Amino acid sequence: MNDKEIVLTRDGLKKLEDELDDLKSVHRREVNERIRQAKEFGDISENAEYEDAKQEQAFVEGRILKLEAMIRNARVIDASDYVADEVHLGATIKVKETSSGTSHDFTIVAPPRPTRRTHGSPTSRRWGAP
């Protein structure tokens, strides 16, 4: 597993922890129940329900491993550690189009999301982020 440091806001870390908790406490149990029920149908070699549940189980277990690694390698940043006029992870910036005069707000985040820019992306670096 890649042990690369993950830079997150407190909110981002909380979302990962919540997803991990949900996968472990709810989805894992649901998938195991689906597998148990599919086995009751008899021959699992030609059982689409069983195959589907096993694939979902593999996805859930893989996602759990990934989330655990991300949380283990997380470095939480705090907006109060930065001055207000710097572009940094977690900062919300306003960009004004000179031609039309319209402005757009963007938040610098780690994973890409709509109306947000990834920390370290060419766009965020152009605005002054590392």
Protein backbone atom coordinates (compact mmCIF):
# COMPACT_ATOMS: atom_id res chain seq x y z
CA MET A 1 0.00 0.00 0.00
CA ASN A 2 1.27 3.48 -0.82
CA ASP A 3 2.29 5.29 2.37
CA LYS A 4 2.30 8.75 0.78
CA GLU A 5 1.25 11.56 3.11
CA ILE A 6 -2.30 12.75 2.50
CA VAL A 7 -2.98 16.41 3.33
CA LEU A 8 -6.54 16.95 4.53
CA THR A 9 -8.68 19.49 6.27
CA ARG A 10 -10.39 18.41 9.50
CA ASP A 11 -13.63 18.16 7.54
CA GLY A 12 -11.97 15.96 4.91
CA LEU A 13 -10.57 13.62 7.55
CA LYS A 14 -13.97 13.40 9.24
CA LYS A 15 -15.60 12.43 5.93
CA LEU A 16 -13.07 9.64 5.41
CA GLU A 17 -13.56 8.37 8.96
CA ASP A 18 -17.35 8.43 8.54
CA GLU A 19 -17.15 6.52 5.26
CA LEU A 20 -14.82 3.94 6.84
CA ASP A 21 -17.15 3.49 9.80
CA ASP A 22 -20.14 3.06 7.46
CA LEU A 23 -18.32 0.48 5.33
CA LYS A 24 -17.22 -1.52 8.36
CA SER A 25 -20.44 -1.37 10.35
CA VAL A 26 -23.14 -1.37 7.66
CA HIS A 27 -21.96 -2.36 4.19
CA ARG A 28 -19.70 -5.20 5.28
CA ARG A 29 -22.59 -6.77 7.21
CA GLU A 30 -25.01 -6.30 4.29
CA VAL A 31 -22.63 -7.91 1.81
CA ASN A 32 -21.97 -10.86 4.12
CA GLU A 33 -25.72 -11.37 4.44
CA ARG A 34 -26.11 -11.31 0.64
CA ILE A 35 -23.38 -13.94 0.31
CA ARG A 36 -25.02 -16.12 2.95
CA GLN A 37 -28.41 -15.88 1.20
CA ALA A 38 -26.89 -16.61 -2.21
CA LYS A 39 -25.21 -19.75 -0.84
CA GLU A 40 -28.61 -21.02 0.28
CA PHE A 41 -29.69 -21.20 -3.38
CA GLY A 42 -27.36 -24.19 -3.78
CA ASP A 43 -24.76 -24.52 -6.54
CA ILE A 44 -22.65 -21.34 -6.35
CA SER A 45 -20.73 -22.11 -9.56
CA GLU A 46 -23.61 -20.71 -11.65
CA ASN A 47 -25.09 -18.33 -9.11
CA ALA A 48 -25.13 -14.73 -10.36
CA GLU A 49 -26.31 -13.43 -6.97
CA TYR A 50 -23.31 -15.04 -5.29
CA GLU A 51 -20.84 -13.69 -7.87
CA ASP A 52 -22.29 -10.19 -7.60
CA ALA A 53 -22.10 -10.25 -3.80
CA LYS A 54 -18.49 -11.53 -3.89
CA GLN A 55 -17.52 -8.72 -6.26
CA GLU A 56 -19.16 -6.17 -4.00
CA GLN A 57 -17.36 -7.71 -1.02
CA ALA A 58 -14.02 -7.30 -2.83
CA PHE A 59 -14.83 -3.66 -3.57
CA VAL A 60 -15.87 -2.93 0.03
CA GLU A 61 -12.78 -4.62 1.49
CA GLY A 62 -10.52 -2.80 -0.98
CA ARG A 63 -12.09 0.55 -0.14
CA ILE A 64 -11.69 -0.17 3.60
CA LEU A 65 -7.98 -0.86 3.10
CA LYS A 66 -7.57 2.31 1.05
CA LEU A 67 -9.40 4.48 3.59
CA GLU A 68 -7.41 3.01 6.48
CA ALA A 69 -4.16 3.84 4.68
CA MET A 70 -5.34 7.37 3.86
CA ILE A 71 -6.35 8.02 7.48
CA ARG A 72 -3.12 6.50 8.80
CA ASN A 73 -1.07 8.77 6.51
CA ALA A 74 -3.20 11.90 6.95
CA ARG A 75 -1.70 15.23 7.90
CA VAL A 76 -4.47 17.57 9.00
CA ILE A 77 -4.06 21.22 8.13
CA ASP A 78 -5.70 24.08 9.95
CA ALA A 79 -6.70 27.26 8.11
CA SER A 80 -5.52 29.33 11.09
CA ASP A 81 -1.94 28.22 10.29
CA TYR A 82 -1.96 30.44 7.19
CA VAL A 83 -2.24 34.15 6.51
CA ALA A 84 -5.46 35.31 4.88
CA ASP A 85 -3.95 36.40 1.56
CA GLU A 86 -2.19 33.08 0.79
CA VAL A 87 -3.59 30.36 -1.42
CA HIS A 88 -3.32 27.05 0.42
CA LEU A 89 -5.13 23.76 0.88
CA GLY A 90 -8.54 24.53 2.32
CA ALA A 91 -8.54 28.15 1.14
CA THR A 92 -11.53 29.54 -0.75
CA ILE A 93 -10.57 32.01 -3.45
CA LYS A 94 -12.59 34.25 -5.74
CA VAL A 95 -11.61 34.48 -9.40
CA LYS A 96 -13.02 37.26 -11.53
CA GLU A 97 -13.14 36.94 -15.30
CA THR A 98 -11.88 40.22 -16.71
CA SER A 99 -13.75 39.89 -20.00
CA SER A 100 -17.22 39.26 -18.55
CA GLY A 101 -16.84 40.55 -15.01
CA THR A 102 -18.33 37.38 -13.55
CA SER A 103 -16.67 35.87 -10.53
CA HIS A 104 -16.38 32.29 -9.32
CA ASP A 105 -15.46 30.86 -5.92
CA PHE A 106 -13.07 27.91 -5.71
CA THR A 107 -11.87 25.92 -2.72
CA ILE A 108 -8.42 24.33 -2.88
CA VAL A 109 -8.86 20.66 -1.92
CA ALA A 110 -6.87 17.42 -2.12
CA PRO A 111 -9.22 15.17 -4.16
CA PRO A 112 -10.67 16.85 -7.28
CA ARG A 113 -14.30 17.99 -7.00
CA PRO A 114 -16.46 20.26 -9.17
CA THR A 115 -15.89 23.99 -8.45
CA ARG A 116 -12.75 23.07 -6.52
CA ARG A 117 -9.09 22.89 -7.49
CA THR A 118 -6.64 20.24 -6.43
CA HIS A 119 -3.72 21.26 -4.22
CA GLY A 120 -0.62 21.18 -6.41
CA SER A 121 -2.56 21.41 -9.68
CA PRO A 122 -1.32 23.86 -12.34
CA THR A 123 -4.27 26.14 -11.60
CA SER A 124 -3.67 26.28 -7.86
CA ARG A 125 0.07 26.80 -8.41
CA ARG A 126 -0.70 29.67 -10.79
CA TRP A 127 -2.74 31.26 -7.99
CA GLY A 128 0.19 30.91 -5.59
CA ALA A 129 -0.27 27.53 -3.92
CA PRO A 130 2.71 25.13 -3.81
